[in-house]
PDB file of N, CA and C in Angstrom:
ATOM      1  N   UNK A   1     144.142 -64.358  26.640  1.00  0.00           N
ATOM      2  CA  UNK A   1     144.046 -64.347  25.311  1.00  0.00           C
ATOM      3  C   UNK A   1     143.691 -65.551  24.617  1.00  0.00           C
ATOM      4  N   UNK A   2     143.683 -66.455  24.697  1.00  0.00           N
ATOM      5  CA  UNK A   2     143.263 -67.616  24.448  1.00  0.00           C
ATOM      6  C   UNK A   2     141.828 -68.148  24.599  1.00  0.00           C
ATOM      7  N   UNK A   3     141.373 -67.584  25.920  1.00  0.00           N
ATOM      8  CA  UNK A   3     139.898 -67.679  26.207  1.00  0.00           C
ATOM      9  C   UNK A   3     139.053 -66.957  25.313  1.00  0.00           C
ATOM     10  N   UNK A   4     139.387 -65.891  24.840  1.00  0.00           N
ATOM     11  CA  UNK A   4     138.667 -64.719  23.880  1.00  0.00           C
ATOM     12  C   UNK A   4     138.542 -65.440  22.467  1.00  0.00           C
ATOM     13  N   UNK A   5     139.544 -66.040  22.217  1.00  0.00           N
ATOM     14  CA  UNK A   5     140.150 -66.627  21.077  1.00  0.00           C
ATOM     15  C   UNK A   5     138.711 -67.901  20.679  1.00  0.00           C
ATOM     16  N   UNK A   6     138.709 -68.670  22.057  1.00  0.00           N
ATOM     17  CA  UNK A   6     137.981 -69.586  21.913  1.00  0.00           C
ATOM     18  C   UNK A   6     136.602 -69.599  21.702  1.00  0.00           C
ATOM     19  N   UNK A   7     136.127 -68.500  22.096  1.00  0.00           N
ATOM     20  CA  UNK A   7     134.827 -67.820  22.081  1.00  0.00           C
ATOM     21  C   UNK A   7     134.407 -67.372  20.987  1.00  0.00           C
ATOM     22  N   UNK A   8     134.984 -67.179  20.339  1.00  0.00           N
ATOM     23  CA  UNK A   8     134.935 -66.845  18.405  1.00  0.00           C
ATOM     24  C   UNK A   8     133.847 -68.057  17.732  1.00  0.00           C
ATOM     25  N   UNK A   9     132.932 -67.639  17.237  1.00  0.00           N
ATOM     26  CA  UNK A   9     132.435 -68.794  16.115  1.00  0.00           C
ATOM     27  C   UNK A   9     133.109 -69.908  15.662  1.00  0.00           C
ATOM     28  N   UNK A  10     132.846 -70.803  15.447  1.00  0.00           N
ATOM     29  CA  UNK A  10     133.685 -71.952  14.490  1.00  0.00           C
ATOM     30  C   UNK A  10     133.843 -71.211  13.223  1.00  0.00           C
ATOM     31  N   UNK A  11     133.040 -70.851  12.496  1.00  0.00           N
ATOM     32  CA  UNK A  11     133.218 -70.354  10.911  1.00  0.00           C
ATOM     33  C   UNK A  11     134.577 -69.407  10.935  1.00  0.00           C
ATOM     34  N   UNK A  12     134.345 -68.610  12.051  1.00  0.00           N
ATOM     35  CA  UNK A  12     135.581 -67.077  11.959  1.00  0.00           C
ATOM     36  C   UNK A  12     136.958 -68.080  12.189  1.00  0.00           C
ATOM     37  N   UNK A  13     136.913 -69.281  13.098  1.00  0.00           N
ATOM     38  CA  UNK A  13     138.274 -69.623  13.545  1.00  0.00           C
ATOM     39  C   UNK A  13     138.640 -70.657  12.019  1.00  0.00           C
ATOM     40  N   UNK A  14     137.450 -71.544  11.585  1.00  0.00           N
ATOM     41  CA  UNK A  14     137.918 -71.721  10.212  1.00  0.00           C
ATOM     42  C   UNK A  14     138.480 -70.772   9.195  1.00  0.00           C
ATOM     43  N   UNK A  15     138.092 -69.510   9.415  1.00  0.00           N
ATOM     44  CA  UNK A  15     138.296 -68.625   8.330  1.00  0.00           C
ATOM     45  C   UNK A  15     139.833 -68.323   8.600  1.00  0.00           C
ATOM     46  N   UNK A  16     140.101 -67.841   9.909  1.00  0.00           N
ATOM     47  CA  UNK A  16     141.460 -67.601  10.380  1.00  0.00           C
ATOM     48  C   UNK A  16     142.338 -68.760   9.878  1.00  0.00           C
ATOM     49  N   UNK A  17     141.985 -69.880  10.409  1.00  0.00           N
ATOM     50  CA  UNK A  17     142.923 -71.041  10.008  1.00  0.00           C
ATOM     51  C   UNK A  17     143.165 -71.086   8.707  1.00  0.00           C
ATOM     52  N   UNK A  18     142.440 -71.083   7.676  1.00  0.00           N
ATOM     53  CA  UNK A  18     142.190 -71.519   6.378  1.00  0.00           C
ATOM     54  C   UNK A  18     143.166 -70.062   5.533  1.00  0.00           C
ATOM     55  N   UNK A  19     142.997 -68.755   6.544  1.00  0.00           N
ATOM     56  CA  UNK A  19     143.797 -67.562   5.804  1.00  0.00           C
ATOM     57  C   UNK A  19     145.496 -67.821   6.118  1.00  0.00           C
ATOM     58  N   UNK A  20     145.674 -68.573   7.505  1.00  0.00           N
ATOM     59  CA  UNK A  20     146.799 -68.369   8.114  1.00  0.00           C
ATOM     60  C   UNK A  20     147.471 -69.345   6.866  1.00  0.00           C
ATOM     61  N   UNK A  21     146.872 -70.594   6.693  1.00  0.00           N
ATOM     62  CA  UNK A  21     147.385 -71.579   6.323  1.00  0.00           C
ATOM     63  C   UNK A  21     147.787 -71.165   4.367  1.00  0.00           C
ATOM     64  N   UNK A  22     147.088 -70.490   4.208  1.00  0.00           N
ATOM     65  CA  UNK A  22     146.919 -69.703   2.598  1.00  0.00           C
ATOM     66  C   UNK A  22     148.542 -68.814   2.414  1.00  0.00           C
ATOM     67  N   UNK A  23     148.104 -67.800   3.488  1.00  0.00           N
ATOM     68  CA  UNK A  23     149.870 -66.843   3.310  1.00  0.00           C
ATOM     69  C   UNK A  23     150.691 -67.837   3.851  1.00  0.00           C
ATOM     70  N   UNK A  24     151.099 -68.714   4.399  1.00  0.00           N
ATOM     71  CA  UNK A  24     152.158 -69.835   4.819  1.00  0.00           C
ATOM     72  C   UNK A  24     152.444 -70.153   3.273  1.00  0.00           C
ATOM     73  N   UNK A  25     151.488 -70.630   2.821  1.00  0.00           N
ATOM     74  CA  UNK A  25     151.559 -71.518   1.678  1.00  0.00           C
ATOM     75  C   UNK A  25     152.272 -70.221   0.261  1.00  0.00           C
ATOM     76  N   UNK A  26     151.524 -69.039   0.131  1.00  0.00           N
ATOM     77  CA  UNK A  26     152.450 -68.410  -0.876  1.00  0.00           C
ATOM     78  C   UNK A  26     153.491 -67.665  -0.286  1.00  0.00           C
ATOM     79  N   UNK A  27     153.930 -68.044   0.977  1.00  0.00           N
ATOM     80  CA  UNK A  27     154.892 -67.469   1.576  1.00  0.00           C
ATOM     81  C   UNK A  27     156.226 -68.487   1.024  1.00  0.00           C
ATOM     82  N   UNK A  28     155.617 -69.779   1.090  1.00  0.00           N
ATOM     83  CA  UNK A  28     156.606 -71.080   0.258  1.00  0.00           C
ATOM     84  C   UNK A  28     156.865 -70.847  -1.101  1.00  0.00           C
ATOM     85  N   UNK A  29     155.896 -70.637  -1.729  1.00  0.00           N
ATOM     86  CA  UNK A  29     155.976 -70.600  -3.154  1.00  0.00           C
ATOM     87  C   UNK A  29     156.724 -69.187  -3.477  1.00  0.00           C
ATOM     88  N   UNK A  30     156.704 -68.390  -2.616  1.00  0.00           N
ATOM     89  CA  UNK A  30     157.039 -66.891  -3.205  1.00  0.00           C
ATOM     90  C   UNK A  30     158.977 -67.247  -3.074  1.00  0.00           C
ATOM     91  N   UNK A  31     159.223 -68.123  -2.252  1.00  0.00           N
ATOM     92  CA  UNK A  31     160.702 -68.218  -1.589  1.00  0.00           C
ATOM     93  C   UNK A  31     160.931 -69.149  -2.890  1.00  0.00           C
ATOM     94  N   UNK A  32     160.510 -70.201  -3.859  1.00  0.00           N
ATOM     95  CA  UNK A  32     161.047 -70.993  -5.046  1.00  0.00           C
ATOM     96  C   UNK A  32     161.338 -69.611  -6.103  1.00  0.00           C
ATOM     97  N   UNK A  33     160.512 -68.425  -6.400  1.00  0.00           N
ATOM     98  CA  UNK A  33     160.749 -67.341  -6.743  1.00  0.00           C
ATOM     99  C   UNK A  33     161.973 -66.455  -6.802  1.00  0.00           C
ATOM    100  N   UNK A  34     162.330 -66.228  -5.705  1.00  0.00           N
ATOM    101  CA  UNK A  34     162.843 -65.465  -4.362  1.00  0.00           C
ATOM    102  C   UNK A  34     164.534 -66.230  -4.754  1.00  0.00           C
ATOM    103  N   UNK A  35     164.484 -67.625  -4.935  1.00  0.00           N
ATOM    104  CA  UNK A  35     165.481 -68.399  -4.710  1.00  0.00           C
ATOM    105  C   UNK A  35     165.652 -69.514  -5.390  1.00  0.00           C
ATOM    106  N   UNK A  36     165.490 -69.474  -6.524  1.00  0.00           N
ATOM    107  CA  UNK A  36     165.440 -70.400  -7.775  1.00  0.00           C
ATOM    108  C   UNK A  36     166.558 -71.719  -7.535  1.00  0.00           C
ATOM    109  N   UNK A  37     167.753 -71.621  -7.117  1.00  0.00           N
ATOM    110  CA  UNK A  37     168.949 -72.667  -7.702  1.00  0.00           C
ATOM    111  C   UNK A  37     169.293 -72.815  -5.960  1.00  0.00           C
ATOM    112  N   UNK A  38     169.054 -73.718  -5.061  1.00  0.00           N
ATOM    113  CA  UNK A  38     169.351 -74.169  -4.079  1.00  0.00           C
ATOM    114  C   UNK A  38     170.854 -74.896  -4.232  1.00  0.00           C
ATOM    115  N   UNK A  39     171.626 -74.853  -3.023  1.00  0.00           N
ATOM    116  CA  UNK A  39     172.722 -75.637  -3.175  1.00  0.00           C
ATOM    117  C   UNK A  39     172.137 -76.965  -2.813  1.00  0.00           C
ATOM    118  N   UNK A  40     173.475 -77.900  -3.424  1.00  0.00           N
ATOM    119  CA  UNK A  40     173.329 -79.226  -2.904  1.00  0.00           C
ATOM    120  C   UNK A  40     172.926 -79.800  -1.535  1.00  0.00           C
ATOM    121  N   UNK A  41     173.795 -78.937  -0.753  1.00  0.00           N
ATOM    122  CA  UNK A  41     173.544 -78.980   0.825  1.00  0.00           C
ATOM    123  C   UNK A  41     171.969 -78.683   1.449  1.00  0.00           C
ATOM    124  N   UNK A  42     171.531 -77.465   0.598  1.00  0.00           N
ATOM    125  CA  UNK A  42     170.306 -77.148   1.040  1.00  0.00           C
ATOM    126  C   UNK A  42     169.365 -78.146   0.352  1.00  0.00           C
ATOM    127  N   UNK A  43     169.457 -78.702  -0.487  1.00  0.00           N
ATOM    128  CA  UNK A  43     168.651 -79.525  -0.752  1.00  0.00           C
ATOM    129  C   UNK A  43     168.648 -80.962  -0.354  1.00  0.00           C
ATOM    130  N   UNK A  44     169.641 -81.501   0.189  1.00  0.00           N
ATOM    131  CA  UNK A  44     170.039 -82.992   0.846  1.00  0.00           C
ATOM    132  C   UNK A  44     169.504 -82.565   2.308  1.00  0.00           C
ATOM    133  N   UNK A  45     169.774 -81.233   2.867  1.00  0.00           N
ATOM    134  CA  UNK A  45     169.120 -80.818   3.955  1.00  0.00           C
ATOM    135  C   UNK A  45     167.452 -81.288   4.143  1.00  0.00           C
ATOM    136  N   UNK A  46     167.209 -80.520   3.171  1.00  0.00           N
ATOM    137  CA  UNK A  46     165.162 -80.716   3.013  1.00  0.00           C
ATOM    138  C   UNK A  46     164.908 -81.827   3.231  1.00  0.00           C
ATOM    139  N   UNK A  47     165.612 -82.562   2.315  1.00  0.00           N
ATOM    140  CA  UNK A  47     165.671 -84.137   1.924  1.00  0.00           C
ATOM    141  C   UNK A  47     165.337 -85.047   3.227  1.00  0.00           C
ATOM    142  N   UNK A  48     166.528 -84.374   4.026  1.00  0.00           N
ATOM    143  CA  UNK A  48     166.263 -85.348   5.131  1.00  0.00           C
ATOM    144  C   UNK A  48     165.814 -84.715   6.309  1.00  0.00           C
ATOM    145  N   UNK A  49     165.189 -83.578   6.415  1.00  0.00           N
ATOM    146  CA  UNK A  49     163.990 -82.981   7.291  1.00  0.00           C
ATOM    147  C   UNK A  49     163.088 -83.822   6.586  1.00  0.00           C
ATOM    148  N   UNK A  50     162.542 -83.781   5.438  1.00  0.00           N
ATOM    149  CA  UNK A  50     161.193 -84.299   5.203  1.00  0.00           C
ATOM    150  C   UNK A  50     161.103 -86.073   5.405  1.00  0.00           C
ATOM    151  N   UNK A  51     162.221 -86.659   5.028  1.00  0.00           N
ATOM    152  CA  UNK A  51     162.424 -87.983   5.511  1.00  0.00           C
ATOM    153  C   UNK A  51     161.841 -88.028   7.067  1.00  0.00           C
ATOM    154  N   UNK A  52     162.733 -87.328   7.791  1.00  0.00           N
ATOM    155  CA  UNK A  52     162.565 -87.397   9.382  1.00  0.00           C
ATOM    156  C   UNK A  52     160.978 -87.323   9.622  1.00  0.00           C
ATOM    157  N   UNK A  53     160.430 -86.207   9.035  1.00  0.00           N
ATOM    158  CA  UNK A  53     158.775 -86.067   9.365  1.00  0.00           C
ATOM    159  C   UNK A  53     158.055 -87.174   9.056  1.00  0.00           C
ATOM    160  N   UNK A  54     158.257 -87.744   7.939  1.00  0.00           N
ATOM    161  CA  UNK A  54     157.832 -89.006   7.466  1.00  0.00           C
ATOM    162  C   UNK A  54     158.227 -90.420   8.158  1.00  0.00           C
ATOM    163  N   UNK A  55     159.286 -90.196   8.578  1.00  0.00           N
ATOM    164  CA  UNK A  55     159.665 -91.273   9.493  1.00  0.00           C
ATOM    165  C   UNK A  55     158.569 -91.512  11.093  1.00  0.00           C
ATOM    166  N   UNK A  56     158.706 -90.034  11.512  1.00  0.00           N
ATOM    167  CA  UNK A  56     157.643 -89.852  12.438  1.00  0.00           C
ATOM    168  C   UNK A  56     156.410 -90.242  12.184  1.00  0.00           C
ATOM    169  N   UNK A  57     155.854 -89.410  11.356  1.00  0.00           N
ATOM    170  CA  UNK A  57     154.659 -89.907  10.989  1.00  0.00           C
ATOM    171  C   UNK A  57     154.104 -91.266  11.100  1.00  0.00           C
ATOM    172  N   UNK A  58     154.926 -91.650  10.272  1.00  0.00           N
ATOM    173  CA  UNK A  58     154.326 -93.298  10.224  1.00  0.00           C
ATOM    174  C   UNK A  58     154.602 -94.154  11.606  1.00  0.00           C
ATOM    175  N   UNK A  59     155.767 -93.771  12.141  1.00  0.00           N
ATOM    176  CA  UNK A  59     155.834 -94.553  13.856  1.00  0.00           C
ATOM    177  C   UNK A  59     154.823 -94.257  14.488  1.00  0.00           C
ATOM    178  N   UNK A  60     154.106 -92.446  14.385  1.00  0.00           N
ATOM    179  CA  UNK A  60     152.998 -92.346  15.413  1.00  0.00           C
ATOM    180  C   UNK A  60     151.841 -92.852  15.249  1.00  0.00           C
ATOM    181  N   UNK A  61     151.426 -92.955  13.882  1.00  0.00           N
ATOM    182  CA  UNK A  61     150.163 -92.779  13.349  1.00  0.00           C
ATOM    183  C   UNK A  61     149.979 -94.520  12.765  1.00  0.00           C
ATOM    184  N   UNK A  62     151.013 -95.060  12.821  1.00  0.00           N
ATOM    185  CA  UNK A  62     150.932 -96.451  11.929  1.00  0.00           C
ATOM    186  C   UNK A  62     151.454 -97.490  12.942  1.00  0.00           C
ATOM    187  N   UNK A  63     152.227 -97.214  13.603  1.00  0.00           N
ATOM    188  CA  UNK A  63     153.315 -98.382  14.229  1.00  0.00           C
ATOM    189  C   UNK A  63     152.694 -98.459  15.609  1.00  0.00           C
ATOM    190  N   UNK A  64     152.753 -97.530  16.357  1.00  0.00           N
ATOM    191  CA  UNK A  64     152.229 -96.889  17.629  1.00  0.00           C
ATOM    192  C   UNK A  64     150.858 -97.906  17.725  1.00  0.00           C
ATOM    193  N   UNK A  65     149.598 -97.632  16.805  1.00  0.00           N
ATOM    194  CA  UNK A  65     148.755 -98.463  17.283  1.00  0.00           C
ATOM    195  C   UNK A  65     148.555 -99.843  16.622  1.00  0.00           C
ATOM    196  N   UNK A  66     149.411-100.107  15.762  1.00  0.00           N
ATOM    197  CA  UNK A  66     149.217-101.650  15.384  1.00  0.00           C
ATOM    198  C   UNK A  66     149.962-102.161  16.387  1.00  0.00           C
ATOM    199  N   UNK A  67     151.082-101.905  17.623  1.00  0.00           N
ATOM    200  CA  UNK A  67     151.742-102.248  19.097  1.00  0.00           C
ATOM    201  C   UNK A  67     150.549-102.342  20.137  1.00  0.00           C
ATOM    202  N   UNK A  68     149.533-101.013  19.613  1.00  0.00           N
ATOM    203  CA  UNK A  68     148.918-101.037  20.692  1.00  0.00           C
ATOM    204  C   UNK A  68     147.530-102.640  20.908  1.00  0.00           C
ATOM    205  N   UNK A  69     147.091-102.700  19.687  1.00  0.00           N
ATOM    206  CA  UNK A  69     146.379-103.754  19.475  1.00  0.00           C
ATOM    207  C   UNK A  69     146.570-105.278  19.993  1.00  0.00           C
TER     208      UNK A  69
END
């Protein structure tokens, strides 16, 4: 299956990727309207997850290349 998808033109893959990202973004925005008041526990969990993502991103893209030099 992946071999067939890899054979598609680059503009089709870009359009498909953009469409997927747009739909996921709309789904995230829709969740705000359907669930307007999250609890403090949910907010704490989301902030903790975001902090972990940012720490991982800074470690892999800043600290590791700095150590390698």
